[in-house]
Structure formats: C-alpha cells, structure tokens
Amino acid sequence: DKYHFAEEIEEEETLSLQDKELELIKKSLERHNGKRKLAAAELGISERTLYRKIKQYDL
C-alpha cells in the first residue's frame, strides 16, 4: 500500500541524512584538527550538540 511505501522512503532518507551528517562532522573535525569548538562553529551547531553527535556516531 501507499503508506508502507512512504515509510520505506522515509527510512532510506533518514539513513542517507545520517550518513551525510556523519560525513560532514568527520570532515569538519579533520579540517580543524579535532578542535570541536571550531568544527561546531563551521557546522552551525553548538559544541554541546557536536559532542552529543560525536558520541552518537562513536567518533
């Protein structure tokens, strides 16, 4: 049915967004030599949010 198909698309998009977020975080941390304050500023998020995402993605 249509609802089930929409759920599948949402799951795929969520995974894709998580992959992109992880990639952006990794690249930003690399660019700033692991300095979370600078990486967070570049990403437009707080240091606290970045720290939480680092733990979430086990970086």
N, C-alpha and C. Protein backbone atom coordinates (compact mmCIF):
# COMPACT_ATOMS: atom_id res chain seq x y z
N ASP A 1 0.82 -1.20 0.00
CA ASP A 1 0.00 0.00 0.00
C ASP A 1 0.86 1.26 0.00
N LYS A 2 0.24 2.38 -0.21
CA LYS A 2 0.97 3.64 -0.32
C LYS A 2 1.66 4.02 0.98
N TYR A 3 1.01 3.76 2.11
CA TYR A 3 1.58 4.14 3.40
C TYR A 3 2.88 3.39 3.67
N HIS A 4 2.89 2.10 3.40
CA HIS A 4 4.08 1.28 3.61
C HIS A 4 5.24 1.79 2.73
N PHE A 5 4.94 2.12 1.50
CA PHE A 5 5.95 2.64 0.58
C PHE A 5 6.54 3.94 1.11
N ALA A 6 5.69 4.82 1.64
CA ALA A 6 6.15 6.10 2.20
C ALA A 6 7.07 5.86 3.39
N GLU A 7 6.75 4.86 4.21
CA GLU A 7 7.60 4.53 5.36
C GLU A 7 8.98 4.08 4.89
N GLU A 8 9.04 3.28 3.84
CA GLU A 8 10.33 2.82 3.31
C GLU A 8 11.16 3.99 2.82
N ILE A 9 10.54 4.91 2.12
CA ILE A 9 11.27 6.09 1.63
C ILE A 9 11.80 6.89 2.80
N GLU A 10 10.98 7.10 3.83
CA GLU A 10 11.43 7.86 5.00
C GLU A 10 12.62 7.19 5.67
N GLU A 11 12.58 5.87 5.80
CA GLU A 11 13.70 5.15 6.41
C GLU A 11 14.97 5.34 5.59
N GLU A 12 14.87 5.23 4.27
CA GLU A 12 16.03 5.40 3.40
C GLU A 12 16.57 6.82 3.51
N GLU A 13 15.68 7.81 3.52
CA GLU A 13 16.11 9.20 3.62
C GLU A 13 16.78 9.46 4.95
N THR A 14 16.26 8.88 6.02
CA THR A 14 16.84 9.07 7.34
C THR A 14 18.26 8.52 7.36
N LEU A 15 18.46 7.33 6.83
CA LEU A 15 19.79 6.75 6.80
C LEU A 15 20.72 7.61 5.96
N SER A 16 20.23 8.08 4.84
CA SER A 16 21.03 8.91 3.97
C SER A 16 21.42 10.22 4.68
N LEU A 17 20.48 10.82 5.38
CA LEU A 17 20.77 12.06 6.11
C LEU A 17 21.78 11.81 7.21
N GLN A 18 21.65 10.68 7.89
CA GLN A 18 22.61 10.36 8.95
C GLN A 18 24.01 10.16 8.36
N ASP A 19 24.08 9.51 7.21
CA ASP A 19 25.37 9.31 6.55
C ASP A 19 25.99 10.65 6.17
N LYS A 20 25.18 11.54 5.64
CA LYS A 20 25.69 12.86 5.24
C LYS A 20 26.13 13.66 6.47
N GLU A 21 25.34 13.60 7.53
CA GLU A 21 25.70 14.31 8.76
C GLU A 21 27.02 13.79 9.30
N LEU A 22 27.17 12.49 9.35
CA LEU A 22 28.40 11.88 9.83
C LEU A 22 29.59 12.32 8.99
N GLU A 23 29.42 12.31 7.68
CA GLU A 23 30.50 12.73 6.77
C GLU A 23 30.88 14.19 7.01
N LEU A 24 29.88 15.06 7.16
CA LEU A 24 30.15 16.48 7.41
C LEU A 24 30.90 16.69 8.72
N ILE A 25 30.50 15.97 9.75
CA ILE A 25 31.15 16.10 11.05
C ILE A 25 32.60 15.64 10.96
N LYS A 26 32.81 14.48 10.34
CA LYS A 26 34.18 13.96 10.20
C LYS A 26 35.08 14.94 9.46
N LYS A 27 34.58 15.44 8.32
CA LYS A 27 35.39 16.36 7.51
C LYS A 27 35.70 17.65 8.27
N SER A 28 34.72 18.16 8.98
CA SER A 28 34.92 19.40 9.73
C SER A 28 35.94 19.20 10.85
N LEU A 29 35.83 18.08 11.55
CA LEU A 29 36.80 17.79 12.62
C LEU A 29 38.21 17.63 12.04
N GLU A 30 38.32 16.99 10.88
CA GLU A 30 39.63 16.83 10.23
C GLU A 30 40.20 18.19 9.84
N ARG A 31 39.35 19.04 9.25
CA ARG A 31 39.80 20.37 8.82
C ARG A 31 40.31 21.21 9.99
N HIS A 32 39.70 20.99 11.15
CA HIS A 32 40.05 21.81 12.32
C HIS A 32 40.90 21.03 13.32
N ASN A 33 41.57 19.98 12.84
CA ASN A 33 42.48 19.18 13.66
C ASN A 33 41.85 18.73 14.98
N GLY A 34 40.58 18.31 14.90
CA GLY A 34 39.90 17.77 16.07
C GLY A 34 39.37 18.80 17.05
N LYS A 35 39.51 20.08 16.71
CA LYS A 35 39.04 21.13 17.62
C LYS A 35 37.53 21.28 17.47
N ARG A 36 36.82 20.78 18.49
CA ARG A 36 35.35 20.74 18.42
C ARG A 36 34.73 22.13 18.35
N LYS A 37 35.32 23.09 19.03
CA LYS A 37 34.75 24.44 19.04
C LYS A 37 34.71 25.00 17.61
N LEU A 38 35.80 24.86 16.88
CA LEU A 38 35.87 25.38 15.51
C LEU A 38 34.97 24.57 14.57
N ALA A 39 34.95 23.26 14.75
CA ALA A 39 34.11 22.41 13.91
C ALA A 39 32.63 22.74 14.13
N ALA A 40 32.24 22.92 15.38
CA ALA A 40 30.85 23.25 15.69
C ALA A 40 30.46 24.57 15.06
N ALA A 41 31.35 25.55 15.15
CA ALA A 41 31.07 26.87 14.56
C ALA A 41 30.88 26.74 13.04
N GLU A 42 31.75 25.98 12.40
CA GLU A 42 31.65 25.78 10.96
C GLU A 42 30.33 25.09 10.59
N LEU A 43 29.92 24.13 11.40
CA LEU A 43 28.70 23.37 11.13
C LEU A 43 27.43 24.11 11.53
N GLY A 44 27.61 25.19 12.29
CA GLY A 44 26.44 25.97 12.71
C GLY A 44 25.66 25.32 13.83
N ILE A 45 26.35 24.53 14.66
CA ILE A 45 25.72 23.89 15.80
C ILE A 45 26.52 24.21 17.06
N SER A 46 25.92 23.98 18.21
CA SER A 46 26.62 24.25 19.46
C SER A 46 27.66 23.16 19.72
N GLU A 47 28.64 23.48 20.56
CA GLU A 47 29.64 22.48 20.92
C GLU A 47 28.98 21.29 21.60
N ARG A 48 27.98 21.58 22.41
CA ARG A 48 27.26 20.52 23.12
C ARG A 48 26.59 19.55 22.14
N THR A 49 25.96 20.11 21.11
CA THR A 49 25.31 19.28 20.09
C THR A 49 26.36 18.46 19.35
N LEU A 50 27.48 19.08 19.01
CA LEU A 50 28.54 18.35 18.31
C LEU A 50 29.06 17.22 19.19
N TYR A 51 29.27 17.49 20.47
CA TYR A 51 29.75 16.46 21.39
C TYR A 51 28.77 15.29 21.44
N ARG A 52 27.47 15.60 21.49
CA ARG A 52 26.44 14.56 21.52
C ARG A 52 26.48 13.72 20.24
N LYS A 53 26.67 14.38 19.11
CA LYS A 53 26.71 13.67 17.83
C LYS A 53 27.99 12.82 17.72
N ILE A 54 29.08 13.30 18.27
CA ILE A 54 30.33 12.52 18.28
C ILE A 54 30.10 11.22 19.05
N LYS A 55 29.42 11.33 20.19
CA LYS A 55 29.11 10.13 20.97
C LYS A 55 28.12 9.23 20.23
N GLN A 56 27.11 9.85 19.61
CA GLN A 56 26.08 9.10 18.88
C GLN A 56 26.70 8.27 17.76
N TYR A 57 27.65 8.86 17.04
CA TYR A 57 28.28 8.18 15.90
C TYR A 57 29.57 7.45 16.30
N ASP A 58 29.88 7.48 17.58
CA ASP A 58 31.06 6.77 18.11
C ASP A 58 32.34 7.19 17.37
N LEU A 59 32.54 8.50 17.28
CA LEU A 59 33.73 9.03 16.59
C LEU A 59 34.89 9.18 17.57
